[in-house]
């Protein structure tokens, strides 16, 4: 943890499988109460720390049942304080409470609308739209708050490149203050805004 000026404040977590321990931390998000929510990829779980870095709870575990994960990549929090996780190895997004109670899921394996090959970056806007970057399908998809597919972002519709993408391994997404979608386009070595 650092200040805006880059001054070190504190660190927390250590390698392992117990409470407060991580193995392959990936995505990170903050909720309205300043809790730190971490995708613990190699432990296949979500870990919650308080604002001071003290462990609160972890939940999940390896598997494909509701509330279980297979290499979770990124995490975000919606306006209701619910956690949304890109569950990459299970080709889906899961929604859970801050205590880890399973609420809902959407997505399946594939390259069609609403399907994933490797969901990675995830973000929620002020209107509860969910944006998901799919690393292997080279696309970014927009869903409603219940997981209903709305559209793909950045698709090229020219006759020459019909159905192809502007992206090459999109990894992260964020929502700007005015609602624009910002995509970390890893394979193209740039950021794109929509």
Protein backbone atom coordinates (compact mmCIF):
# COMPACT_ATOMS: atom_id res chain seq x y z
CA UNK A 1 0.00 0.00 0.00
CA UNK A 2 1.32 3.44 -1.02
CA UNK A 3 0.24 7.09 -0.79
CA UNK A 4 -0.59 9.05 -3.96
CA UNK A 5 2.95 10.40 -3.81
CA UNK A 6 4.39 6.88 -3.84
CA UNK A 7 5.37 6.68 -0.18
CA UNK A 8 5.22 3.15 1.22
CA UNK A 9 2.59 2.69 3.96
CA UNK A 10 2.32 -1.02 4.69
CA UNK A 11 2.24 -4.50 3.26
CA UNK A 12 0.10 -7.46 4.21
CA UNK A 13 -0.33 -11.09 3.29
CA UNK A 14 2.24 -13.84 3.04
CA UNK A 15 2.69 -17.00 1.00
CA UNK A 16 0.49 -19.87 2.09
CA UNK A 17 -3.00 -21.26 2.35
CA UNK A 18 -4.21 -19.97 5.72
CA UNK A 19 -6.19 -16.89 6.68
CA UNK A 20 -4.24 -13.82 5.56
CA UNK A 21 -2.05 -15.89 3.23
CA UNK A 22 -2.02 -15.78 -0.56
CA UNK A 23 -0.68 -17.85 -3.42
CA UNK A 24 -0.72 -16.10 -6.77
CA UNK A 25 -2.72 -12.94 -5.97
CA UNK A 26 -4.11 -11.40 -9.18
CA UNK A 27 -7.04 -9.01 -9.28
CA UNK A 28 -7.79 -6.57 -6.50
CA UNK A 29 -10.71 -4.28 -5.66
CA UNK A 30 -11.92 -2.05 -2.84
CA UNK A 31 -15.48 -1.90 -1.56
CA UNK A 32 -17.36 1.05 -0.06
CA UNK A 33 -16.02 0.18 3.40
CA UNK A 34 -12.42 0.23 2.11
CA UNK A 35 -12.07 -3.54 2.46
CA UNK A 36 -9.50 -5.03 0.09
CA UNK A 37 -10.81 -7.95 -1.97
CA UNK A 38 -8.15 -10.12 -3.66
CA UNK A 39 -8.36 -12.92 -6.23
CA UNK A 40 -6.09 -15.58 -4.78
CA UNK A 41 -5.60 -17.41 -8.09
CA UNK A 42 -3.53 -20.43 -7.10
CA UNK A 43 -5.54 -21.05 -3.91
CA UNK A 44 -8.71 -20.78 -6.06
CA UNK A 45 -10.40 -18.41 -3.64
CA UNK A 46 -11.24 -14.83 -2.74
CA UNK A 47 -9.60 -13.20 0.25
CA UNK A 48 -11.01 -10.15 2.08
CA UNK A 49 -8.84 -7.84 4.19
CA UNK A 50 -9.95 -4.80 6.19
CA UNK A 51 -8.66 -1.29 5.40
CA UNK A 52 -5.63 -1.87 7.64
CA UNK A 53 -4.69 -5.12 5.90
CA UNK A 54 -6.02 -7.46 8.58
CA UNK A 55 -7.56 -10.64 7.16
CA UNK A 56 -11.33 -10.86 7.53
CA UNK A 57 -12.37 -13.95 5.60
CA UNK A 58 -11.52 -16.10 2.60
CA UNK A 59 -13.94 -18.23 0.63
CA UNK A 60 -14.14 -20.43 -2.43
CA UNK A 61 -11.77 -23.29 -3.05
CA UNK A 62 -10.99 -25.35 -6.11
CA UNK A 63 -13.93 -26.69 -8.10
CA UNK A 64 -16.73 -25.90 -10.51
CA UNK A 65 -19.68 -25.90 -8.10
CA UNK A 66 -21.39 -22.61 -7.27
CA UNK A 67 -19.08 -20.56 -5.06
CA UNK A 68 -15.98 -22.56 -6.05
CA UNK A 69 -13.29 -21.30 -8.46
CA UNK A 70 -10.75 -22.43 -11.01
CA UNK A 71 -8.00 -19.80 -11.29
CA UNK A 72 -10.04 -16.67 -10.55
CA UNK A 73 -8.39 -13.74 -12.38
CA UNK A 74 -10.00 -10.42 -11.46
CA UNK A 75 -12.58 -9.03 -9.08
CA UNK A 76 -14.82 -5.97 -8.83
CA UNK A 77 -17.55 -4.71 -6.52
CA UNK A 78 -20.94 -3.37 -7.64
CA UNK A 79 -23.01 -0.56 -6.12
CA UNK A 80 -24.73 -3.01 -3.74
CA UNK A 81 -21.38 -4.19 -2.36
CA UNK A 82 -21.59 -7.56 -4.11
CA UNK A 83 -18.37 -9.14 -5.40
CA UNK A 84 -18.10 -10.19 -9.05
CA UNK A 85 -15.28 -12.57 -9.97
CA UNK A 86 -13.96 -13.58 -13.39
CA UNK A 87 -13.68 -17.34 -12.80
CA UNK A 88 -11.33 -17.99 -15.73
CA UNK A 89 -10.94 -21.76 -15.57
CA UNK A 90 -14.69 -22.26 -15.23
CA UNK A 91 -15.46 -19.83 -18.11
CA UNK A 92 -17.91 -17.75 -16.09
CA UNK A 93 -18.49 -14.77 -13.83
CA UNK A 94 -19.75 -15.38 -10.31
CA UNK A 95 -21.50 -12.91 -8.02
CA UNK A 96 -21.09 -13.36 -4.26
CA UNK A 97 -21.79 -11.49 -1.06
CA UNK A 98 -18.94 -9.95 0.94
CA UNK A 99 -19.22 -13.02 3.22
CA UNK A 100 -18.81 -15.39 0.28
CA UNK A 101 -22.44 -16.45 -0.14
CA UNK A 102 -23.10 -17.47 -3.76
CA UNK A 103 -25.67 -15.19 -5.44
CA UNK A 104 -25.58 -15.89 -9.18
CA UNK A 105 -23.40 -16.68 -12.20
CA UNK A 106 -23.36 -16.18 -15.94
CA UNK A 107 -21.31 -17.33 -18.92
CA UNK A 108 -20.20 -20.66 -20.32
CA UNK A 109 -17.33 -22.00 -22.43
CA UNK A 110 -17.24 -20.78 -26.03
CA UNK A 111 -16.74 -17.86 -28.38
CA UNK A 112 -20.35 -16.79 -28.92
CA UNK A 113 -22.09 -13.82 -27.32
CA UNK A 114 -22.17 -14.28 -23.56
CA UNK A 115 -19.56 -17.04 -23.60
CA UNK A 116 -15.92 -16.97 -22.50
CA UNK A 117 -12.60 -18.58 -23.37
CA UNK A 118 -10.67 -16.92 -20.53
CA UNK A 119 -12.52 -14.14 -18.68
CA UNK A 120 -9.96 -11.79 -17.16
CA UNK A 121 -10.52 -8.10 -16.37
CA UNK A 122 -13.92 -7.19 -14.96
CA UNK A 123 -15.53 -3.88 -13.98
CA UNK A 124 -18.98 -2.54 -13.09
CA UNK A 125 -20.25 0.91 -14.03
CA UNK A 126 -22.62 3.20 -12.11
CA UNK A 127 -25.63 1.69 -13.92
CA UNK A 128 -24.65 -1.86 -12.89
CA UNK A 129 -23.41 -2.85 -16.35
CA UNK A 130 -20.70 -5.51 -16.14
CA UNK A 131 -17.73 -5.29 -18.52
CA UNK A 132 -15.58 -8.40 -19.01
CA UNK A 133 -12.34 -8.70 -21.01
CA UNK A 134 -11.85 -12.15 -22.51
CA UNK A 135 -8.13 -12.74 -22.88
CA UNK A 136 -8.30 -15.66 -25.34
CA UNK A 137 -11.41 -14.69 -27.34
CA UNK A 138 -9.86 -11.25 -28.02
CA UNK A 139 -13.04 -9.43 -27.05
CA UNK A 140 -14.67 -7.29 -24.40
CA UNK A 141 -18.32 -7.94 -23.59
CA UNK A 142 -20.95 -5.81 -21.89
CA UNK A 143 -23.68 -7.38 -19.72
CA UNK A 144 -26.55 -6.08 -17.65
CA UNK A 145 -26.48 -6.46 -13.86
CA UNK A 146 -28.13 -9.88 -14.07
CA UNK A 147 -25.61 -11.22 -16.59
CA UNK A 148 -27.70 -10.73 -19.72
CA UNK A 149 -25.51 -10.15 -22.79
CA UNK A 150 -25.81 -6.64 -24.28
CA UNK A 151 -22.99 -6.31 -26.83
CA UNK A 152 -19.36 -6.79 -27.68
CA UNK A 153 -17.13 -3.73 -27.50
CA UNK A 154 -14.48 -3.04 -30.14
CA UNK A 155 -15.60 -5.49 -32.80
CA UNK A 156 -14.74 -4.54 -36.36
CA UNK A 157 -17.69 -4.70 -38.73
CA UNK A 158 -15.98 -4.03 -42.05
CA UNK A 159 -16.56 -6.56 -44.87
CA UNK A 160 -12.86 -7.43 -44.80
CA UNK A 161 -12.61 -8.04 -41.06
CA UNK A 162 -16.19 -8.97 -40.18
CA UNK A 163 -16.32 -10.30 -36.63
CA UNK A 164 -12.65 -9.71 -35.87
CA UNK A 165 -11.49 -7.64 -32.92
CA UNK A 166 -9.55 -4.49 -32.23
CA UNK A 167 -7.92 -6.30 -29.29
CA UNK A 168 -5.03 -8.67 -28.82
CA UNK A 169 -5.21 -10.35 -25.40
CA UNK A 170 -7.34 -7.76 -23.56
CA UNK A 171 -6.43 -8.27 -19.92
CA UNK A 172 -7.82 -5.50 -17.72
CA UNK A 173 -10.80 -3.17 -17.83
CA UNK A 174 -11.83 -0.13 -15.82
CA UNK A 175 -14.64 2.42 -15.94
CA UNK A 176 -13.63 6.09 -16.08
CA UNK A 177 -15.40 8.80 -14.09
CA UNK A 178 -17.56 9.71 -17.10
CA UNK A 179 -18.52 6.08 -17.84
CA UNK A 180 -16.05 5.28 -20.60
CA UNK A 181 -14.61 1.76 -20.74
CA UNK A 182 -10.79 1.61 -20.62
CA UNK A 183 -9.17 -1.62 -21.81
CA UNK A 184 -5.62 -2.81 -21.14
CA UNK A 185 -4.84 -4.30 -24.56
CA UNK A 186 -1.81 -6.39 -23.59
CA UNK A 187 -0.94 -7.89 -26.96
CA UNK A 188 -1.10 -4.53 -28.71
CA UNK A 189 0.89 -2.79 -25.94
CA UNK A 190 -1.66 -0.01 -25.46
CA UNK A 191 -4.76 1.18 -23.65
CA UNK A 192 -8.00 1.72 -25.57
CA UNK A 193 -10.99 3.78 -24.45
CA UNK A 194 -14.60 3.43 -25.57
